[in-house]
Amino acid sequence: MVGDLELNDFRSDDDGMGGGAGANIPDTPRTARDLEAVYDIPVRVSAVLGKTTMQVNQLLKLGRGAVVELDRKVGEAIDIYVNNRLVARGEVVVVEDRLGVTMTEIIKTERS
C-alpha cells in the first residue's frame, strides 16, 4: 500500500550492498536513483509550535487578541511532522517575509 511506504524501505542496515532489511532486490546496491519513483509524491509537512487542550465553552469565548497558552517554552524546539508522523524537531526562522523551520534533530522511529 503506497500510504505505508517509507524511505527506510529503500535502506538496509548492512554494508550498503543489499540483502539487508527493506532491500528491494537482494545483493543489488541501491542508489538515489532507486528513489526516483517516489520523488513526485506529495506529502504534507506541518510544523507544530505547541498544543493545548480546552473546553468548547472556552474556545467559543476566544476573540480577536485572545492569547492561547501552548505547552512549549520560548526557545524550545518545535515538532515537524510529515503526513502526521513526527520526523524532526527544529527552530522557527524568517525567510524574507515568510516563516520557515530549520531542522535541528531528525527523529528515528522503530518500524513496527
N, C-alpha and C. Protein backbone atom coordinates (compact mmCIF):
# COMPACT_ATOMS: atom_id res chain seq x y z
N MET A 1 0.85 -1.17 0.00
CA MET A 1 0.00 0.00 0.00
C MET A 1 0.90 1.24 0.00
N VAL A 2 0.66 2.19 -0.86
CA VAL A 2 1.51 3.35 -1.02
C VAL A 2 1.55 4.18 0.25
N GLY A 3 0.46 4.29 0.98
CA GLY A 3 0.42 5.10 2.19
C GLY A 3 1.38 4.61 3.26
N ASP A 4 1.78 3.35 3.22
CA ASP A 4 2.68 2.80 4.22
C ASP A 4 4.13 2.81 3.77
N LEU A 5 4.41 3.31 2.58
CA LEU A 5 5.76 3.34 2.04
C LEU A 5 6.61 4.34 2.79
N GLU A 6 7.79 3.92 3.22
CA GLU A 6 8.70 4.81 3.91
C GLU A 6 10.04 4.78 3.21
N LEU A 7 10.77 5.90 3.31
CA LEU A 7 12.08 5.95 2.70
C LEU A 7 13.00 4.91 3.30
N ASN A 8 12.78 4.53 4.55
CA ASN A 8 13.61 3.50 5.16
C ASN A 8 13.46 2.16 4.46
N ASP A 9 12.37 1.98 3.71
CA ASP A 9 12.18 0.74 2.97
C ASP A 9 13.24 0.59 1.89
N PHE A 10 13.91 1.67 1.53
CA PHE A 10 14.92 1.63 0.48
C PHE A 10 16.33 1.52 1.05
N ARG A 11 16.44 1.54 2.38
CA ARG A 11 17.75 1.46 3.02
C ARG A 11 17.91 0.11 3.67
N SER A 12 19.16 -0.30 3.81
CA SER A 12 19.44 -1.52 4.56
C SER A 12 20.30 -1.15 5.74
N ASP A 13 20.36 -2.05 6.72
CA ASP A 13 21.21 -1.83 7.88
C ASP A 13 22.56 -2.51 7.71
N ASP A 14 22.85 -2.99 6.50
CA ASP A 14 24.10 -3.70 6.29
C ASP A 14 25.13 -2.78 5.66
N ASP A 15 26.05 -3.31 4.90
CA ASP A 15 27.16 -2.54 4.33
C ASP A 15 26.80 -1.77 3.08
N GLY A 16 25.51 -1.68 2.73
CA GLY A 16 25.10 -0.93 1.55
C GLY A 16 25.13 -1.77 0.28
N MET A 17 25.40 -3.05 0.41
CA MET A 17 25.46 -3.90 -0.77
C MET A 17 24.20 -4.72 -0.96
N GLY A 18 23.14 -4.37 -0.28
CA GLY A 18 21.87 -5.05 -0.48
C GLY A 18 21.72 -6.24 0.42
N GLY A 19 20.52 -6.83 0.34
CA GLY A 19 20.24 -8.02 1.11
C GLY A 19 19.83 -7.74 2.54
N GLY A 20 19.87 -6.48 2.98
CA GLY A 20 19.51 -6.14 4.35
C GLY A 20 18.03 -5.88 4.47
N ALA A 21 17.62 -5.41 5.66
CA ALA A 21 16.22 -5.13 5.91
C ALA A 21 15.72 -4.07 4.94
N GLY A 22 14.60 -4.31 4.32
CA GLY A 22 13.99 -3.34 3.41
C GLY A 22 14.60 -3.33 2.03
N ALA A 23 15.42 -4.29 1.71
CA ALA A 23 16.04 -4.32 0.39
C ALA A 23 15.01 -4.62 -0.68
N ASN A 24 15.12 -3.91 -1.81
CA ASN A 24 14.22 -4.17 -2.92
C ASN A 24 14.61 -5.44 -3.66
N ILE A 25 15.88 -5.54 -3.99
CA ILE A 25 16.40 -6.71 -4.70
C ILE A 25 17.63 -7.17 -3.94
N PRO A 26 17.63 -8.40 -3.44
CA PRO A 26 18.77 -8.86 -2.66
C PRO A 26 20.08 -8.75 -3.45
N ASP A 27 21.16 -8.42 -2.73
CA ASP A 27 22.52 -8.36 -3.27
C ASP A 27 22.69 -7.37 -4.42
N THR A 28 21.84 -6.32 -4.49
CA THR A 28 21.97 -5.28 -5.50
C THR A 28 22.16 -3.96 -4.78
N PRO A 29 23.24 -3.23 -5.07
CA PRO A 29 23.43 -1.93 -4.40
C PRO A 29 22.31 -0.97 -4.77
N ARG A 30 21.89 -0.16 -3.78
CA ARG A 30 20.84 0.82 -4.02
C ARG A 30 21.46 2.21 -4.11
N THR A 31 20.88 3.04 -4.93
CA THR A 31 21.38 4.40 -5.12
C THR A 31 20.21 5.37 -5.00
N ALA A 32 20.51 6.66 -5.09
CA ALA A 32 19.46 7.67 -5.07
C ALA A 32 18.49 7.46 -6.22
N ARG A 33 18.95 6.89 -7.30
CA ARG A 33 18.08 6.63 -8.45
C ARG A 33 16.94 5.68 -8.10
N ASP A 34 17.18 4.79 -7.12
CA ASP A 34 16.14 3.86 -6.68
C ASP A 34 14.94 4.59 -6.08
N LEU A 35 15.14 5.81 -5.62
CA LEU A 35 14.05 6.58 -5.01
C LEU A 35 13.27 7.41 -6.02
N GLU A 36 13.67 7.43 -7.27
CA GLU A 36 13.01 8.27 -8.26
C GLU A 36 11.52 8.03 -8.34
N ALA A 37 11.07 6.82 -8.06
CA ALA A 37 9.64 6.51 -8.14
C ALA A 37 8.83 7.29 -7.11
N VAL A 38 9.46 7.75 -6.05
CA VAL A 38 8.70 8.45 -5.01
C VAL A 38 8.97 9.95 -4.99
N TYR A 39 9.86 10.45 -5.83
CA TYR A 39 10.22 11.87 -5.82
C TYR A 39 9.04 12.80 -6.00
N ASP A 40 8.07 12.45 -6.81
CA ASP A 40 6.96 13.35 -7.12
C ASP A 40 5.71 13.12 -6.29
N ILE A 41 5.79 12.26 -5.28
CA ILE A 41 4.64 12.01 -4.42
C ILE A 41 4.52 13.17 -3.43
N PRO A 42 3.39 13.86 -3.42
CA PRO A 42 3.24 14.98 -2.49
C PRO A 42 3.05 14.48 -1.06
N VAL A 43 3.64 15.18 -0.10
CA VAL A 43 3.46 14.88 1.32
C VAL A 43 3.09 16.18 2.03
N ARG A 44 2.41 16.05 3.15
CA ARG A 44 2.01 17.22 3.94
C ARG A 44 3.03 17.40 5.05
N VAL A 45 3.67 18.57 5.09
CA VAL A 45 4.65 18.89 6.12
C VAL A 45 4.02 19.93 7.05
N SER A 46 4.04 19.64 8.35
CA SER A 46 3.47 20.54 9.34
C SER A 46 4.51 20.84 10.41
N ALA A 47 4.58 22.09 10.83
CA ALA A 47 5.44 22.49 11.93
C ALA A 47 4.53 22.92 13.08
N VAL A 48 4.62 22.22 14.19
CA VAL A 48 3.72 22.47 15.32
C VAL A 48 4.47 23.23 16.41
N LEU A 49 4.02 24.45 16.66
CA LEU A 49 4.65 25.29 17.69
C LEU A 49 4.36 24.77 19.08
N GLY A 50 3.20 24.20 19.27
CA GLY A 50 2.80 23.69 20.57
C GLY A 50 1.35 23.27 20.53
N LYS A 51 0.88 22.72 21.64
CA LYS A 51 -0.50 22.23 21.72
C LYS A 51 -1.10 22.65 23.04
N THR A 52 -2.41 22.60 23.10
CA THR A 52 -3.13 22.85 24.34
C THR A 52 -4.47 22.12 24.28
N THR A 53 -5.10 22.00 25.41
CA THR A 53 -6.42 21.40 25.49
C THR A 53 -7.34 22.40 26.17
N MET A 54 -8.54 22.56 25.64
CA MET A 54 -9.51 23.46 26.27
C MET A 54 -10.91 22.93 26.01
N GLN A 55 -11.82 23.39 26.82
CA GLN A 55 -13.21 23.01 26.67
C GLN A 55 -13.84 23.85 25.56
N VAL A 56 -14.90 23.34 24.98
CA VAL A 56 -15.57 24.03 23.89
C VAL A 56 -16.05 25.41 24.34
N ASN A 57 -16.57 25.52 25.57
CA ASN A 57 -17.06 26.83 26.01
C ASN A 57 -15.91 27.85 26.11
N GLN A 58 -14.68 27.38 26.45
CA GLN A 58 -13.52 28.28 26.46
C GLN A 58 -13.16 28.69 25.03
N LEU A 59 -13.23 27.76 24.13
CA LEU A 59 -12.92 28.02 22.73
C LEU A 59 -13.87 29.05 22.14
N LEU A 60 -15.15 28.92 22.48
CA LEU A 60 -16.15 29.85 21.95
C LEU A 60 -15.98 31.27 22.50
N LYS A 61 -15.34 31.41 23.66
CA LYS A 61 -15.12 32.73 24.25
C LYS A 61 -13.92 33.46 23.63
N LEU A 62 -13.10 32.75 22.85
CA LEU A 62 -11.93 33.37 22.26
C LEU A 62 -12.34 34.40 21.22
N GLY A 63 -11.64 35.47 21.18
CA GLY A 63 -11.91 36.50 20.20
C GLY A 63 -10.60 37.13 19.75
N ARG A 64 -10.72 38.15 18.94
CA ARG A 64 -9.52 38.85 18.43
C ARG A 64 -8.67 39.32 19.61
N GLY A 65 -7.37 39.02 19.54
CA GLY A 65 -6.45 39.42 20.59
C GLY A 65 -6.33 38.42 21.73
N ALA A 66 -7.14 37.38 21.71
CA ALA A 66 -7.04 36.36 22.77
C ALA A 66 -5.71 35.64 22.66
N VAL A 67 -5.19 35.25 23.80
CA VAL A 67 -3.93 34.51 23.85
C VAL A 67 -4.22 33.08 24.29
N VAL A 68 -3.73 32.13 23.51
CA VAL A 68 -3.88 30.71 23.85
C VAL A 68 -2.50 30.21 24.27
N GLU A 69 -2.38 29.82 25.53
CA GLU A 69 -1.10 29.34 26.05
C GLU A 69 -0.84 27.92 25.56
N LEU A 70 0.36 27.70 25.02
CA LEU A 70 0.75 26.40 24.49
C LEU A 70 1.66 25.68 25.48
N ASP A 71 1.91 24.42 25.21
CA ASP A 71 2.70 23.59 26.12
C ASP A 71 4.21 23.70 25.89
N ARG A 72 4.66 24.69 25.16
CA ARG A 72 6.09 24.86 24.87
C ARG A 72 6.59 26.15 25.50
N LYS A 73 7.89 26.14 25.80
CA LYS A 73 8.53 27.33 26.33
C LYS A 73 9.24 28.07 25.20
N VAL A 74 9.51 29.35 25.39
CA VAL A 74 10.23 30.14 24.41
C VAL A 74 11.59 29.50 24.16
N GLY A 75 11.94 29.33 22.90
CA GLY A 75 13.22 28.75 22.54
C GLY A 75 13.23 27.24 22.46
N GLU A 76 12.15 26.59 22.90
CA GLU A 76 12.07 25.13 22.84
C GLU A 76 11.81 24.70 21.40
N ALA A 77 12.36 23.56 21.01
CA ALA A 77 12.21 23.07 19.64
C ALA A 77 10.74 22.81 19.30
N ILE A 78 10.41 23.02 18.04
CA ILE A 78 9.06 22.71 17.55
C ILE A 78 9.08 21.35 16.87
N ASP A 79 7.92 20.72 16.77
CA ASP A 79 7.81 19.40 16.14
C ASP A 79 7.51 19.56 14.66
N ILE A 80 8.18 18.76 13.83
CA ILE A 80 7.96 18.77 12.39
C ILE A 80 7.40 17.41 11.99
N TYR A 81 6.23 17.44 11.40
CA TYR A 81 5.53 16.22 11.01
C TYR A 81 5.49 16.11 9.49
N VAL A 82 5.60 14.90 8.98
CA VAL A 82 5.36 14.61 7.56
C VAL A 82 4.24 13.58 7.53
N ASN A 83 3.14 13.95 6.88
CA ASN A 83 1.95 13.10 6.84
C ASN A 83 1.57 12.61 8.24
N ASN A 84 1.51 13.53 9.19
CA ASN A 84 1.10 13.28 10.57
C ASN A 84 2.04 12.36 11.34
N ARG A 85 3.26 12.18 10.86
CA ARG A 85 4.25 11.38 11.58
C ARG A 85 5.41 12.29 11.98
N LEU A 86 5.75 12.29 13.27
CA LEU A 86 6.84 13.11 13.76
C LEU A 86 8.15 12.63 13.14
N VAL A 87 8.84 13.52 12.43
CA VAL A 87 10.09 13.14 11.77
C VAL A 87 11.28 13.98 12.22
N ALA A 88 11.02 15.15 12.82
CA ALA A 88 12.14 16.02 13.18
C ALA A 88 11.68 17.05 14.20
N ARG A 89 12.67 17.73 14.76
CA ARG A 89 12.42 18.90 15.60
C ARG A 89 13.25 20.03 15.02
N GLY A 90 12.81 21.25 15.26
CA GLY A 90 13.54 22.36 14.66
C GLY A 90 13.23 23.68 15.32
N GLU A 91 13.70 24.73 14.66
CA GLU A 91 13.52 26.09 15.15
C GLU A 91 12.85 26.93 14.07
N VAL A 92 12.08 27.91 14.51
CA VAL A 92 11.42 28.83 13.59
C VAL A 92 12.46 29.82 13.07
N VAL A 93 12.42 30.08 11.77
CA VAL A 93 13.31 31.07 11.15
C VAL A 93 12.47 31.96 10.24
N VAL A 94 13.00 33.12 9.91
CA VAL A 94 12.34 34.03 8.97
C VAL A 94 13.10 33.97 7.66
N VAL A 95 12.36 33.70 6.57
CA VAL A 95 12.94 33.65 5.23
C VAL A 95 12.24 34.72 4.41
N GLU A 96 12.95 35.83 4.17
CA GLU A 96 12.37 37.01 3.53
C GLU A 96 11.16 37.45 4.34
N ASP A 97 9.95 37.36 3.80
CA ASP A 97 8.78 37.80 4.55
C ASP A 97 7.91 36.63 5.00
N ARG A 98 8.47 35.43 5.07
CA ARG A 98 7.73 34.23 5.47
C ARG A 98 8.41 33.53 6.64
N LEU A 99 7.63 32.72 7.34
CA LEU A 99 8.18 31.88 8.39
C LEU A 99 8.65 30.57 7.79
N GLY A 100 9.67 30.00 8.38
CA GLY A 100 10.17 28.70 7.96
C GLY A 100 10.67 27.95 9.17
N VAL A 101 11.15 26.76 8.96
CA VAL A 101 11.74 25.97 10.04
C VAL A 101 13.08 25.42 9.58
N THR A 102 13.99 25.36 10.49
CA THR A 102 15.26 24.70 10.23
C THR A 102 15.32 23.47 11.12
N MET A 103 15.63 22.33 10.54
CA MET A 103 15.65 21.08 11.30
C MET A 103 16.92 21.01 12.13
N THR A 104 16.76 20.75 13.41
CA THR A 104 17.90 20.63 14.31
C THR A 104 18.10 19.20 14.79
N GLU A 105 17.07 18.37 14.63
CA GLU A 105 17.15 16.98 15.10
C GLU A 105 16.24 16.12 14.24
N ILE A 106 16.75 15.03 13.72
CA ILE A 106 15.94 14.06 12.98
C ILE A 106 15.51 12.98 13.96
N ILE A 107 14.22 12.66 13.95
CA ILE A 107 13.67 11.65 14.86
C ILE A 107 13.66 10.31 14.16
N LYS A 108 14.34 9.34 14.75
CA LYS A 108 14.33 7.98 14.22
C LYS A 108 13.30 7.18 14.98
N THR A 109 12.43 6.50 14.27
CA THR A 109 11.43 5.68 14.92
C THR A 109 11.64 4.23 14.53
N GLU A 110 11.28 3.35 15.43
CA GLU A 110 11.38 1.92 15.14
C GLU A 110 10.20 1.51 14.29
N ARG A 111 10.46 0.68 13.28
CA ARG A 111 9.38 0.15 12.44
C ARG A 111 8.65 -0.93 13.19
N SER A 112 7.34 -0.95 13.06
CA SER A 112 6.56 -1.98 13.75
C SER A 112 6.30 -3.15 12.84
